[in-house]
Structures are given as structure tokens and as C-alpha cells.
Amino acid sequence: MTLKVGVVGVGNIGSIHANVYHEHAKTELVAVCDIIKEKADAAAAKFGCRAFYSVQEMLASGIHLDACSMATKGEENGGEHYQPTMELLEAGIPVLGEKPISNRIDEGERMVALAKEKQIPFAVNLNHRFTPAALRAKEWVEEGRLGQLHMINMKMWINNPVETSPWFHLRALHPHSFDVIRYFCGDVKRVAAFMMKGENRKIWSNTQVMLEFENGAIGNLVGSYDAGASYGLERCEVVGSKGRFVLDDACEHLTFYPRHSISTESYSYLGGMRHFNETFKSRISDWIEQLDAKVPYDQINGSGQEALKAQTIIEAAIRSFETSSIVEL
């Protein structure tokens, strides 16, 4: 059965969602929605679907929707996520939201609670771990190939000159970082953070966050909005009692280093994925396949609950920096 889907918010990222749905064999893009009429009309013309200018109007039209992507933006890239998500969930429509789940923890909690109450799939586009390389690395962890986990070192940085709220860098970029960290090492127990402002910056554009995990492992995140293109996007290193792996740029290069041997195992472009931009299709396709298979709401990959946990770590890092203390989660 073809799933009839819509996209709310058709800026740059929403248009990527729309294009994936438009091209996927199991979905039909039937609606786009944006409060800016020109954007909605242009997307509708491009993809051959109906345009709406509010979620309420779209729902009142009677159009059938099996799922929606919610790709609005707002302050810290998450300030406009709450209302449309709640309206869609209230209507019983599964939602794939954009990160951050919200720039406010209380709003994220209410979204997750409503999806649980109604038993509706609710996920977030945490696309950095939806790659063949990340999946292979996760298998190594679960198989015990790394042994007992000791530490994780995560680095994620881009050049983003935008100056908005003091915490824009933390709340907008690092839902991805902390989701990847949790994906490999599990729940975080304690957080300590340091931050600095780059040259001529008003926001805290650089951070180092130290972590202790429930399983006893330790780790850190280095993040920046003052990075150059030559730095690469990200690097994730996970170290255990038997070996370590290094994953570069989400999907490009993966290497396993055994502890007691010099014989390494390396992959480049696993599954044919060559560039970070391809992760959007990979993540959204996973969402489509799970909906098509009628996977239970509480088994959805990259769920709203997982996104909320990542955001909770961010807020703990902010509180740690503000209070010069270690914060317990």
C-alpha cells in the first residue's frame, strides 16, 4: 500500500524531505504546508501536490495522511516545532520531526507524552547514525568485538556564522552529536561542560563536554561553529577493552583497530554511501519502511524519546557551564 504523506515547513530541509517522499516507491507526497504562501505554492507546483498554509487548514480539508514530516524552524532551529507536531499527533498522524525535538525540554516532554498516550509513531531526523558505516560499527559494539566499553570521543563542527541566542550552537547542532554518542554508548549519567566564544562571536560557539555513562564508560564531545571546511564534519572514536573503531564524517570511512594486533579492518563508503547529504534519504527511507511494516510506535528508530534524551544532555551541559558544576541526569 502506498503511504500518503505530507511535509510541514518547506524550507531547505523540508524540501529534502519532500523530494525523498516524492521519489520513494512506497510513498505519495500529497500535501505541503508552510505559513509562507509562496513557499507552499512553489513546493506544490514542483511536486504536484496540494498546498496548505497551516496545519489546521490541512487537517480540516479532509485530505488523507498516513504520516507527515515536520520541518519548521524557529529560534535555535527548534522554536516552531511544538505546535504543528502536537496538532498532527492530536489528529493521529505519525510524525517525523526535525532536530532539535524542541529548544525547550518541557515542549519535548509533552510531544513524547502525547505520542505515547495515543500510541502513534513519533521520530526525529537524527540522520547522522542512519548510515551503513554507523550500522556496522553498532554491530561491532553489540557483538562484543570492542569488549567492555571504555570511552567515546566525539567531534562535530561546521562553519556557522549565525549569531542568535547564546546557546544556538549547542541546541541546534548537537542533538546529532549526543544522539550518536548515545547510540554507541548508552545513557549518560553525569555531564560537565566548558565553552568559549570565537573571535568576534556573541554566542558560545565552541564547547567541550565531558560525560560519564550509566555503564561506567566515559567520553567527551568537542563542538564548534567556528570550523573550516577542511576540518571535516565529524569524527567518532569508540574505545573498548578489546579494540576501538574510528568513524569519519558519518558515512565515509570506518576502521576497526584490535587491541592486541596491528591488523586493522577498514571500509570506505560502505553501502555505496559517499557523502553526508545522502544520510537524509537513508534516514527518511528507514522511517518509511518502518511505517510500511507497521512497526509498533515504541520500536521506531530515532524516536522522539531518543531525541528528548539527547536534548536533555544539552540542557545539562548548559547548566553545568552556567553553574561551574557537574550535573547529574
C-alpha atoms as a PDB file:
ATOM      1  CA  MET A   1       0.000   0.000   0.000  1.00  0.00           C
ATOM      2  CA  THR A   2       1.331   3.440  -0.911  1.00  0.00           C
ATOM      3  CA  LEU A   3       1.616   5.752   2.078  1.00  0.00           C
ATOM      4  CA  LYS A   4       0.147   9.212   1.547  1.00  0.00           C
ATOM      5  CA  VAL A   5       2.390  11.766   3.240  1.00  0.00           C
ATOM      6  CA  GLY A   6       2.738  15.495   3.790  1.00  0.00           C
ATOM      7  CA  VAL A   7       5.529  17.886   4.718  1.00  0.00           C
ATOM      8  CA  VAL A   8       5.024  20.817   7.079  1.00  0.00           C
ATOM      9  CA  GLY A   9       7.639  23.518   6.554  1.00  0.00           C
ATOM     10  CA  VAL A  10       9.164  23.502   3.077  1.00  0.00           C
ATOM     11  CA  GLY A  11      12.373  25.453   3.510  1.00  0.00           C
ATOM     12  CA  ASN A  12      15.693  23.841   2.637  1.00  0.00           C
ATOM     13  CA  ILE A  13      15.398  20.785   4.905  1.00  0.00           C
ATOM     14  CA  GLY A  14      11.660  20.341   4.352  1.00  0.00           C
ATOM     15  CA  SER A  15      12.262  20.324   0.619  1.00  0.00           C
ATOM     16  CA  ILE A  16      14.758  17.488   1.090  1.00  0.00           C
ATOM     17  CA  HIS A  17      12.079  15.505   2.953  1.00  0.00           C
ATOM     18  CA  ALA A  18       9.571  16.264   0.199  1.00  0.00           C
ATOM     19  CA  ASN A  19      11.931  15.117  -2.517  1.00  0.00           C
ATOM     20  CA  VAL A  20      12.626  11.800  -0.762  1.00  0.00           C
ATOM     21  CA  TYR A  21       8.900  11.126  -0.382  1.00  0.00           C
ATOM     22  CA  HIS A  22       8.273  12.188  -3.991  1.00  0.00           C
ATOM     23  CA  GLU A  23      10.838   9.709  -5.311  1.00  0.00           C
ATOM     24  CA  HIS A  24      10.248   6.796  -2.912  1.00  0.00           C
ATOM     25  CA  ALA A  25       8.303   3.842  -4.333  1.00  0.00           C
ATOM     26  CA  LYS A  26       6.250   3.368  -1.156  1.00  0.00           C
ATOM     27  CA  THR A  27       5.088   6.964  -0.647  1.00  0.00           C
ATOM     28  CA  GLU A  28       2.989   9.551  -2.432  1.00  0.00           C
ATOM     29  CA  LEU A  29       3.541  13.173  -1.451  1.00  0.00           C
ATOM     30  CA  VAL A  30       0.003  14.588  -1.330  1.00  0.00           C
ATOM     31  CA  ALA A  31       0.445  17.805   0.692  1.00  0.00           C
ATOM     32  CA  VAL A  32       2.926  20.523   1.562  1.00  0.00           C
ATOM     33  CA  CYS A  33       2.292  23.165   4.192  1.00  0.00           C
ATOM     34  CA  ASP A  34       4.047  26.415   5.021  1.00  0.00           C
ATOM     35  CA  ILE A  35       2.971  29.648   6.675  1.00  0.00           C
ATOM     36  CA  ILE A  36       4.756  31.456   3.836  1.00  0.00           C
ATOM     37  CA  LYS A  37       2.307  31.068   0.967  1.00  0.00           C
ATOM     38  CA  GLU A  38       4.909  31.451  -1.761  1.00  0.00           C
ATOM     39  CA  LYS A  39       6.969  28.575  -0.370  1.00  0.00           C
ATOM     40  CA  ALA A  40       3.983  26.256  -0.108  1.00  0.00           C
ATOM     41  CA  ASP A  41       2.780  27.140  -3.604  1.00  0.00           C
ATOM     42  CA  ALA A  42       6.223  26.647  -5.143  1.00  0.00           C
ATOM     43  CA  ALA A  43       6.662  23.254  -3.466  1.00  0.00           C
ATOM     44  CA  ALA A  44       3.169  22.143  -4.513  1.00  0.00           C
ATOM     45  CA  ALA A  45       3.913  23.088  -8.113  1.00  0.00           C
ATOM     46  CA  LYS A  46       7.268  21.294  -8.018  1.00  0.00           C
ATOM     47  CA  PHE A  47       5.964  18.059  -6.527  1.00  0.00           C
ATOM     48  CA  GLY A  48       2.457  18.001  -7.982  1.00  0.00           C
ATOM     49  CA  CYS A  49       0.546  18.045  -4.693  1.00  0.00           C
ATOM     50  CA  ARG A  50      -1.789  20.314  -2.704  1.00  0.00           C
ATOM     51  CA  ALA A  51      -0.587  23.406  -0.866  1.00  0.00           C
ATOM     52  CA  PHE A  52      -1.754  24.449   2.595  1.00  0.00           C
ATOM     53  CA  TYR A  53      -0.794  27.392   4.779  1.00  0.00           C
ATOM     54  CA  SER A  54      -1.447  25.987   8.248  1.00  0.00           C
ATOM     55  CA  VAL A  55      -1.734  22.548   9.808  1.00  0.00           C
ATOM     56  CA  GLN A  56      -5.292  23.336  10.879  1.00  0.00           C
ATOM     57  CA  GLU A  57      -6.270  24.117   7.280  1.00  0.00           C
ATOM     58  CA  MET A  58      -4.616  20.923   6.058  1.00  0.00           C
ATOM     59  CA  LEU A  59      -6.395  18.769   8.626  1.00  0.00           C
ATOM     60  CA  ALA A  60      -9.753  20.477   8.059  1.00  0.00           C
ATOM     61  CA  SER A  61      -9.526  19.786   4.316  1.00  0.00           C
ATOM     62  CA  GLY A  62     -10.165  16.097   4.906  1.00  0.00           C
ATOM     63  CA  ILE A  63      -7.082  15.059   2.967  1.00  0.00           C
ATOM     64  CA  HIS A  64      -5.898  11.577   3.966  1.00  0.00           C
ATOM     65  CA  LEU A  65      -2.433  11.494   5.529  1.00  0.00           C
ATOM     66  CA  ASP A  66      -0.639   8.362   6.686  1.00  0.00           C
ATOM     67  CA  ALA A  67       2.313  10.375   8.007  1.00  0.00           C
ATOM     68  CA  CYS A  68       3.912  13.822   7.975  1.00  0.00           C
ATOM     69  CA  SER A  69       7.367  15.277   8.179  1.00  0.00           C
ATOM     70  CA  MET A  70       7.524  18.353  10.370  1.00  0.00           C
ATOM     71  CA  ALA A  71      10.405  20.575   9.227  1.00  0.00           C
ATOM     72  CA  THR A  72       9.640  24.007  10.625  1.00  0.00           C
ATOM     73  CA  LYS A  73      12.448  26.058  12.148  1.00  0.00           C
ATOM     74  CA  GLY A  74      12.209  28.969  14.596  1.00  0.00           C
ATOM     75  CA  GLU A  75      14.545  30.072  17.372  1.00  0.00           C
ATOM     76  CA  GLU A  76      17.573  27.795  17.749  1.00  0.00           C
ATOM     77  CA  ASN A  77      16.138  25.798  14.813  1.00  0.00           C
ATOM     78  CA  GLY A  78      13.542  24.282  17.162  1.00  0.00           C
ATOM     79  CA  GLY A  79      11.316  27.079  18.390  1.00  0.00           C
ATOM     80  CA  GLU A  80       8.494  26.375  15.929  1.00  0.00           C
ATOM     81  CA  HIS A  81       8.348  22.580  16.246  1.00  0.00           C
ATOM     82  CA  TYR A  82       5.947  22.190  19.134  1.00  0.00           C
ATOM     83  CA  GLN A  83       2.595  23.483  17.879  1.00  0.00           C
ATOM     84  CA  PRO A  84       2.456  21.736  14.472  1.00  0.00           C
ATOM     85  CA  THR A  85       3.756  18.496  15.957  1.00  0.00           C
ATOM     86  CA  MET A  86       1.088  18.496  18.657  1.00  0.00           C
ATOM     87  CA  GLU A  87      -1.631  19.275  16.104  1.00  0.00           C
ATOM     88  CA  LEU A  88      -0.541  16.373  13.900  1.00  0.00           C
ATOM     89  CA  LEU A  89      -0.238  13.945  16.795  1.00  0.00           C
ATOM     90  CA  GLU A  90      -3.635  15.012  18.152  1.00  0.00           C
ATOM     91  CA  ALA A  91      -5.052  14.132  14.739  1.00  0.00           C
ATOM     92  CA  GLY A  92      -3.484  10.662  14.975  1.00  0.00           C
ATOM     93  CA  ILE A  93      -0.872  11.255  12.279  1.00  0.00           C
ATOM     94  CA  PRO A  94       2.629   9.759  12.686  1.00  0.00           C
ATOM     95  CA  VAL A  95       5.292  12.484  12.671  1.00  0.00           C
ATOM     96  CA  LEU A  96       8.929  12.591  11.638  1.00  0.00           C
ATOM     97  CA  GLY A  97      10.201  15.849  13.123  1.00  0.00           C
ATOM     98  CA  GLU A  98      13.357  17.811  12.558  1.00  0.00           C
ATOM     99  CA  LYS A  99      16.016  18.273  15.196  1.00  0.00           C
ATOM    100  CA  PRO A 100      16.102  19.557  17.807  1.00  0.00           C
ATOM    101  CA  ILE A 101      12.878  17.987  19.037  1.00  0.00           C
ATOM    102  CA  SER A 102      12.367  21.454  20.551  1.00  0.00           C
ATOM    103  CA  ASN A 103      14.596  24.097  22.059  1.00  0.00           C
ATOM    104  CA  ARG A 104      12.522  23.696  25.238  1.00  0.00           C
ATOM    105  CA  ILE A 105      12.591  20.479  27.267  1.00  0.00           C
ATOM    106  CA  ASP A 106       9.020  20.897  28.550  1.00  0.00           C
ATOM    107  CA  GLU A 107       7.705  21.050  24.980  1.00  0.00           C
ATOM    108  CA  GLY A 108       9.691  17.963  24.012  1.00  0.00           C
ATOM    109  CA  GLU A 109       8.310  16.110  27.002  1.00  0.00           C
ATOM    110  CA  ARG A 110       4.732  16.963  26.030  1.00  0.00           C
ATOM    111  CA  MET A 111       5.266  15.801  22.442  1.00  0.00           C
ATOM    112  CA  VAL A 112       6.724  12.487  23.575  1.00  0.00           C
ATOM    113  CA  ALA A 113       3.963  12.030  26.166  1.00  0.00           C
ATOM    114  CA  LEU A 114       1.198  12.656  23.629  1.00  0.00           C
ATOM    115  CA  ALA A 115       2.692  10.214  21.119  1.00  0.00           C
ATOM    116  CA  LYS A 116       2.925   7.597  23.878  1.00  0.00           C
ATOM    117  CA  GLU A 117      -0.634   8.273  25.058  1.00  0.00           C
ATOM    118  CA  LYS A 118      -2.021   7.884  21.548  1.00  0.00           C
ATOM    119  CA  GLN A 119       0.492   5.120  20.615  1.00  0.00           C
ATOM    120  CA  ILE A 120       1.483   6.985  17.461  1.00  0.00           C
ATOM    121  CA  PRO A 121       4.927   6.706  15.824  1.00  0.00           C
ATOM    122  CA  PHE A 122       6.914   9.868  16.529  1.00  0.00           C
ATOM    123  CA  ALA A 123      10.513  10.148  15.388  1.00  0.00           C
ATOM    124  CA  VAL A 124      13.122  12.833  14.757  1.00  0.00           C
ATOM    125  CA  ASN A 125      15.533  13.216  11.856  1.00  0.00           C
ATOM    126  CA  LEU A 126      18.660  12.137  13.727  1.00  0.00           C
ATOM    127  CA  ASN A 127      20.231  11.228  10.415  1.00  0.00           C
ATOM    128  CA  HIS A 128      23.911  11.028  11.386  1.00  0.00           C
ATOM    129  CA  ARG A 129      23.558   7.452  12.613  1.00  0.00           C
ATOM    130  CA  PHE A 130      21.385   6.203   9.766  1.00  0.00           C
ATOM    131  CA  THR A 131      24.343   5.121   7.643  1.00  0.00           C
ATOM    132  CA  PRO A 132      25.727   1.719   6.671  1.00  0.00           C
ATOM    133  CA  ALA A 133      29.002   2.587   8.417  1.00  0.00           C
ATOM    134  CA  ALA A 134      27.295   3.504  11.690  1.00  0.00           C
ATOM    135  CA  LEU A 135      25.199   0.337  11.498  1.00  0.00           C
ATOM    136  CA  ARG A 136      28.341  -1.789  11.019  1.00  0.00           C
ATOM    137  CA  ALA A 137      30.017  -0.068  13.979  1.00  0.00           C
ATOM    138  CA  LYS A 138      26.915  -0.628  16.117  1.00  0.00           C
ATOM    139  CA  GLU A 139      27.024  -4.322  15.238  1.00  0.00           C
ATOM    140  CA  TRP A 140      30.630  -4.479  16.431  1.00  0.00           C
ATOM    141  CA  VAL A 141      29.609  -2.962  19.758  1.00  0.00           C
ATOM    142  CA  GLU A 142      26.638  -5.311  20.202  1.00  0.00           C
ATOM    143  CA  GLU A 143      28.661  -8.373  19.186  1.00  0.00           C
ATOM    144  CA  GLY A 144      31.224  -7.581  21.879  1.00  0.00           C
ATOM    145  CA  ARG A 145      34.010  -7.055  19.387  1.00  0.00           C
ATOM    146  CA  LEU A 146      35.152  -3.942  21.274  1.00  0.00           C
ATOM    147  CA  GLY A 147      34.793  -5.712  24.631  1.00  0.00           C
ATOM    148  CA  GLN A 148      33.773  -3.610  27.599  1.00  0.00           C
ATOM    149  CA  LEU A 149      33.251  -0.014  26.506  1.00  0.00           C
ATOM    150  CA  HIS A 150      35.814   2.369  27.974  1.00  0.00           C
ATOM    151  CA  MET A 151      35.355   5.721  26.249  1.00  0.00           C
ATOM    152  CA  ILE A 152      33.978   7.696  23.332  1.00  0.00           C
ATOM    153  CA  ASN A 153      35.482  10.773  21.728  1.00  0.00           C
ATOM    154  CA  MET A 154      33.081  12.691  19.504  1.00  0.00           C
ATOM    155  CA  LYS A 155      33.877  15.699  17.363  1.00  0.00           C
ATOM    156  CA  MET A 156      31.303  17.641  15.342  1.00  0.00           C
ATOM    157  CA  TRP A 157      31.869  21.063  13.860  1.00  0.00           C
ATOM    158  CA  ILE A 158      30.836  23.281  10.980  1.00  0.00           C
ATOM    159  CA  ASN A 159      31.247  26.886   9.945  1.00  0.00           C
ATOM    160  CA  ASN A 160      28.059  28.665  11.004  1.00  0.00           C
ATOM    161  CA  PRO A 161      28.393  32.442  11.409  1.00  0.00           C
ATOM    162  CA  VAL A 162      24.800  32.947  12.603  1.00  0.00           C
ATOM    163  CA  GLU A 163      24.527  34.969  15.822  1.00  0.00           C
ATOM    164  CA  THR A 164      21.232  34.394  17.624  1.00  0.00           C
ATOM    165  CA  SER A 165      20.789  33.081  21.158  1.00  0.00           C
ATOM    166  CA  PRO A 166      23.816  32.338  23.373  1.00  0.00           C
ATOM    167  CA  TRP A 167      23.021  28.594  23.133  1.00  0.00           C
ATOM    168  CA  PHE A 168      22.269  28.370  19.404  1.00  0.00           C
ATOM    169  CA  HIS A 169      25.352  26.237  18.718  1.00  0.00           C
ATOM    170  CA  LEU A 170      24.504  23.768  21.490  1.00  0.00           C
ATOM    171  CA  ARG A 171      20.787  23.401  20.874  1.00  0.00           C
ATOM    172  CA  ALA A 172      20.815  23.427  17.077  1.00  0.00           C
ATOM    173  CA  LEU A 173      23.861  21.302  16.189  1.00  0.00           C
ATOM    174  CA  HIS A 174      24.493  18.887  18.999  1.00  0.00           C
ATOM    175  CA  PRO A 175      21.258  16.902  19.096  1.00  0.00           C
ATOM    176  CA  HIS A 176      23.115  14.982  16.384  1.00  0.00           C
ATOM    177  CA  SER A 177      26.315  14.639  18.407  1.00  0.00           C
ATOM    178  CA  PHE A 178      24.647  13.394  21.560  1.00  0.00           C
ATOM    179  CA  ASP A 179      22.375  11.049  19.633  1.00  0.00           C
ATOM    180  CA  VAL A 180      25.404   9.411  18.016  1.00  0.00           C
ATOM    181  CA  ILE A 181      27.097   9.245  21.423  1.00  0.00           C
ATOM    182  CA  ARG A 182      24.034   7.588  22.989  1.00  0.00           C
ATOM    183  CA  TYR A 183      23.638   5.265  20.004  1.00  0.00           C
ATOM    184  CA  PHE A 184      27.023   3.711  20.702  1.00  0.00           C
ATOM    185  CA  CYS A 185      27.468   4.111  24.461  1.00  0.00           C
ATOM    186  CA  GLY A 186      24.007   4.340  26.024  1.00  0.00           C
ATOM    187  CA  ASP A 187      22.514   6.684  28.579  1.00  0.00           C
ATOM    188  CA  VAL A 188      24.545   9.471  30.147  1.00  0.00           C
ATOM    189  CA  LYS A 189      24.803   9.752  33.930  1.00  0.00           C
ATOM    190  CA  ARG A 190      26.814  12.954  34.557  1.00  0.00           C
ATOM    191  CA  VAL A 191      27.808  15.981  32.474  1.00  0.00           C
ATOM    192  CA  ALA A 192      30.438  18.726  32.813  1.00  0.00           C
ATOM    193  CA  ALA A 193      30.936  21.423  30.184  1.00  0.00           C
ATOM    194  CA  PHE A 194      33.232  24.257  29.177  1.00  0.00           C
ATOM    195  CA  MET A 195      32.523  26.830  26.476  1.00  0.00           C
ATOM    196  CA  MET A 196      34.173  29.769  24.768  1.00  0.00           C
ATOM    197  CA  LYS A 197      33.272  32.430  22.227  1.00  0.00           C
ATOM    198  CA  GLY A 198      35.223  32.517  18.997  1.00  0.00           C
ATOM    199  CA  GLU A 199      36.754  35.732  17.727  1.00  0.00           C
ATOM    200  CA  ASN A 200      34.090  38.459  17.379  1.00  0.00           C
ATOM    201  CA  ARG A 201      31.365  35.995  18.393  1.00  0.00           C
ATOM    202  CA  LYS A 202      28.458  36.802  20.714  1.00  0.00           C
ATOM    203  CA  ILE A 203      27.306  33.201  21.152  1.00  0.00           C
ATOM    204  CA  TRP A 204      29.100  30.305  22.823  1.00  0.00           C
ATOM    205  CA  SER A 205      30.412  28.957  19.540  1.00  0.00           C
ATOM    206  CA  ASN A 206      32.849  26.372  20.936  1.00  0.00           C
ATOM    207  CA  THR A 207      32.338  23.707  23.572  1.00  0.00           C
ATOM    208  CA  GLN A 208      33.912  20.717  25.227  1.00  0.00           C
ATOM    209  CA  VAL A 209      31.514  18.470  27.143  1.00  0.00           C
ATOM    210  CA  MET A 210      32.682  15.630  29.371  1.00  0.00           C
ATOM    211  CA  LEU A 211      30.432  12.662  30.014  1.00  0.00           C
ATOM    212  CA  GLU A 212      30.050   9.718  32.347  1.00  0.00           C
ATOM    213  CA  PHE A 213      27.717   6.936  31.209  1.00  0.00           C
ATOM    214  CA  GLU A 214      25.409   4.664  33.168  1.00  0.00           C
ATOM    215  CA  ASN A 215      27.541   1.688  32.073  1.00  0.00           C
ATOM    216  CA  GLY A 216      30.683   3.254  33.563  1.00  0.00           C
ATOM    217  CA  ALA A 217      32.240   4.432  30.310  1.00  0.00           C
ATOM    218  CA  ILE A 218      33.497   7.992  29.928  1.00  0.00           C
ATOM    219  CA  GLY A 219      33.635  10.328  26.962  1.00  0.00           C
ATOM    220  CA  ASN A 220      33.689  13.801  25.545  1.00  0.00           C
ATOM    221  CA  LEU A 221      32.313  15.999  22.806  1.00  0.00           C
ATOM    222  CA  VAL A 222      34.252  18.727  21.036  1.00  0.00           C
ATOM    223  CA  GLY A 223      31.902  21.013  19.105  1.00  0.00           C
ATOM    224  CA  SER A 224      32.243  24.244  17.184  1.00  0.00           C
ATOM    225  CA  TYR A 225      30.507  26.688  14.873  1.00  0.00           C
ATOM    226  CA  ASP A 226      33.911  28.170  14.008  1.00  0.00           C
ATOM    227  CA  ALA A 227      35.267  25.291  11.915  1.00  0.00           C
ATOM    228  CA  GLY A 228      36.583  25.263   8.360  1.00  0.00           C
ATOM    229  CA  ALA A 229      35.521  23.014   5.512  1.00  0.00           C
ATOM    230  CA  SER A 230      38.955  21.365   5.533  1.00  0.00           C
ATOM    231  CA  TYR A 231      38.325  20.114   9.097  1.00  0.00           C
ATOM    232  CA  GLY A 232      35.732  17.575   8.008  1.00  0.00           C
ATOM    233  CA  LEU A 233      32.286  17.331   9.579  1.00  0.00           C
ATOM    234  CA  GLU A 234      32.731  14.862  12.394  1.00  0.00           C
ATOM    235  CA  ARG A 235      34.755  12.031  13.865  1.00  0.00           C
ATOM    236  CA  CYS A 236      33.567   9.399  16.322  1.00  0.00           C
ATOM    237  CA  GLU A 237      36.028   7.147  18.171  1.00  0.00           C
ATOM    238  CA  VAL A 238      34.791   4.397  20.489  1.00  0.00           C
ATOM    239  CA  VAL A 239      37.328   2.515  22.603  1.00  0.00           C
ATOM    240  CA  GLY A 240      36.831  -0.755  24.434  1.00  0.00           C
ATOM    241  CA  SER A 241      38.840  -3.413  26.248  1.00  0.00           C
ATOM    242  CA  LYS A 242      39.367  -5.423  23.051  1.00  0.00           C
ATOM    243  CA  GLY A 243      39.547  -2.767  20.355  1.00  0.00           C
ATOM    244  CA  ARG A 244      38.415   0.569  19.012  1.00  0.00           C
ATOM    245  CA  PHE A 245      36.779   1.967  15.929  1.00  0.00           C
ATOM    246  CA  VAL A 246      37.006   5.344  14.231  1.00  0.00           C
ATOM    247  CA  LEU A 247      34.119   6.585  12.085  1.00  0.00           C
ATOM    248  CA  ASP A 248      34.784   9.635   9.931  1.00  0.00           C
ATOM    249  CA  ASP A 249      32.152  12.014   8.581  1.00  0.00           C
ATOM    250  CA  ALA A 250      29.122   9.856   9.442  1.00  0.00           C
ATOM    251  CA  CYS A 251      29.402   7.508   6.481  1.00  0.00           C
ATOM    252  CA  GLU A 252      32.702   7.877   4.646  1.00  0.00           C
ATOM    253  CA  HIS A 253      35.406   5.889   6.452  1.00  0.00           C
ATOM    254  CA  LEU A 254      35.260   3.255   9.196  1.00  0.00           C
ATOM    255  CA  THR A 255      38.249   1.441  10.703  1.00  0.00           C
ATOM    256  CA  PHE A 256      38.494  -1.179  13.438  1.00  0.00           C
ATOM    257  CA  TYR A 257      41.727  -1.384  15.461  1.00  0.00           C
ATOM    258  CA  PRO A 258      42.173  -4.540  17.569  1.00  0.00           C
ATOM    259  CA  ARG A 259      43.898  -4.006  20.893  1.00  0.00           C
ATOM    260  CA  HIS A 260      46.420  -6.844  20.597  1.00  0.00           C
ATOM    261  CA  SER A 261      47.179  -6.788  16.888  1.00  0.00           C
ATOM    262  CA  ILE A 262      48.360  -4.364  14.220  1.00  0.00           C
ATOM    263  CA  SER A 263      45.961  -5.866  11.674  1.00  0.00           C
ATOM    264  CA  THR A 264      43.227  -3.296  11.037  1.00  0.00           C
ATOM    265  CA  GLU A 265      39.930  -3.573   9.157  1.00  0.00           C
ATOM    266  CA  SER A 266      38.872  -0.603   7.058  1.00  0.00           C
ATOM    267  CA  TYR A 267      35.897   0.361   4.921  1.00  0.00           C
ATOM    268  CA  SER A 268      35.253   3.379   2.758  1.00  0.00           C
ATOM    269  CA  TYR A 269      31.784   4.331   1.543  1.00  0.00           C
ATOM    270  CA  LEU A 270      30.003   1.265   2.918  1.00  0.00           C
ATOM    271  CA  GLY A 271      26.768   0.531   1.097  1.00  0.00           C
ATOM    272  CA  GLY A 272      27.777   2.973  -1.620  1.00  0.00           C
ATOM    273  CA  MET A 273      27.112   5.992   0.622  1.00  0.00           C
ATOM    274  CA  ARG A 274      29.729   8.570  -0.293  1.00  0.00           C
ATOM    275  CA  HIS A 275      28.587  11.827   1.268  1.00  0.00           C
ATOM    276  CA  PHE A 276      26.762  13.163   4.319  1.00  0.00           C
ATOM    277  CA  ASN A 277      23.941  14.587   2.174  1.00  0.00           C
ATOM    278  CA  GLU A 278      22.889  11.018   1.374  1.00  0.00           C
ATOM    279  CA  THR A 279      22.044  10.411   5.030  1.00  0.00           C
ATOM    280  CA  PHE A 280      18.731  12.261   4.679  1.00  0.00           C
ATOM    281  CA  LYS A 281      17.442   9.718   2.161  1.00  0.00           C
ATOM    282  CA  SER A 282      18.740   6.866   4.304  1.00  0.00           C
ATOM    283  CA  ARG A 283      17.048   8.127   7.456  1.00  0.00           C
ATOM    284  CA  ILE A 284      13.722   9.068   5.854  1.00  0.00           C
ATOM    285  CA  SER A 285      13.644   5.755   3.979  1.00  0.00           C
ATOM    286  CA  ASP A 286      14.077   3.891   7.279  1.00  0.00           C
ATOM    287  CA  TRP A 287      11.061   5.829   8.621  1.00  0.00           C
ATOM    288  CA  ILE A 288       9.028   4.898   5.538  1.00  0.00           C
ATOM    289  CA  GLU A 289       9.976   1.222   5.766  1.00  0.00           C
ATOM    290  CA  GLN A 290       9.041   1.071   9.460  1.00  0.00           C
ATOM    291  CA  LEU A 291       5.665   2.700   8.810  1.00  0.00           C
ATOM    292  CA  ASP A 292       5.025   0.365   5.878  1.00  0.00           C
ATOM    293  CA  ALA A 293       5.876  -2.620   8.094  1.00  0.00           C
ATOM    294  CA  LYS A 294       3.573  -1.255  10.830  1.00  0.00           C
ATOM    295  CA  VAL A 295       6.352  -1.323  13.406  1.00  0.00           C
ATOM    296  CA  PRO A 296       4.890  -0.543  16.879  1.00  0.00           C
ATOM    297  CA  TYR A 297       5.128   3.091  17.965  1.00  0.00           C
ATOM    298  CA  ASP A 298       7.564   2.252  20.768  1.00  0.00           C
ATOM    299  CA  GLN A 299      10.009   0.476  18.439  1.00  0.00           C
ATOM    300  CA  ILE A 300      10.553   3.330  15.982  1.00  0.00           C
ATOM    301  CA  ASN A 301      14.206   4.099  15.241  1.00  0.00           C
ATOM    302  CA  GLY A 302      15.429   7.568  16.154  1.00  0.00           C
ATOM    303  CA  SER A 303      12.315   8.136  18.243  1.00  0.00           C
ATOM    304  CA  GLY A 304      11.127  11.322  19.845  1.00  0.00           C
ATOM    305  CA  GLN A 305      12.100   9.795  23.180  1.00  0.00           C
ATOM    306  CA  GLU A 306      15.686   9.359  21.981  1.00  0.00           C
ATOM    307  CA  ALA A 307      15.752  12.917  20.648  1.00  0.00           C
ATOM    308  CA  LEU A 308      14.480  14.161  24.007  1.00  0.00           C
ATOM    309  CA  LYS A 309      17.284  12.328  25.819  1.00  0.00           C
ATOM    310  CA  ALA A 310      19.856  13.984  23.550  1.00  0.00           C
ATOM    311  CA  GLN A 311      18.310  17.385  24.245  1.00  0.00           C
ATOM    312  CA  THR A 312      18.360  16.698  27.972  1.00  0.00           C
ATOM    313  CA  ILE A 313      22.139  16.211  27.797  1.00  0.00           C
ATOM    314  CA  ILE A 314      22.434  19.579  26.035  1.00  0.00           C
ATOM    315  CA  GLU A 315      20.480  21.324  28.765  1.00  0.00           C
ATOM    316  CA  ALA A 316      22.645  19.617  31.391  1.00  0.00           C
ATOM    317  CA  ALA A 317      25.766  20.901  29.596  1.00  0.00           C
ATOM    318  CA  ILE A 318      24.371  24.443  29.610  1.00  0.00           C
ATOM    319  CA  ARG A 319      23.517  24.176  33.306  1.00  0.00           C
ATOM    320  CA  SER A 320      26.973  22.777  34.051  1.00  0.00           C
ATOM    321  CA  PHE A 321      28.672  25.698  32.351  1.00  0.00           C
ATOM    322  CA  GLU A 322      26.426  28.270  33.978  1.00  0.00           C
ATOM    323  CA  THR A 323      26.978  26.842  37.466  1.00  0.00           C
ATOM    324  CA  SER A 324      30.575  25.579  37.123  1.00  0.00           C
ATOM    325  CA  SER A 325      29.404  22.193  38.358  1.00  0.00           C
ATOM    326  CA  ILE A 326      28.960  18.571  37.376  1.00  0.00           C
ATOM    327  CA  VAL A 327      25.291  17.928  36.562  1.00  0.00           C
ATOM    328  CA  GLU A 328      23.587  14.611  37.338  1.00  0.00           C
ATOM    329  CA  LEU A 329      20.921  13.410  34.881  1.00  0.00           C
END
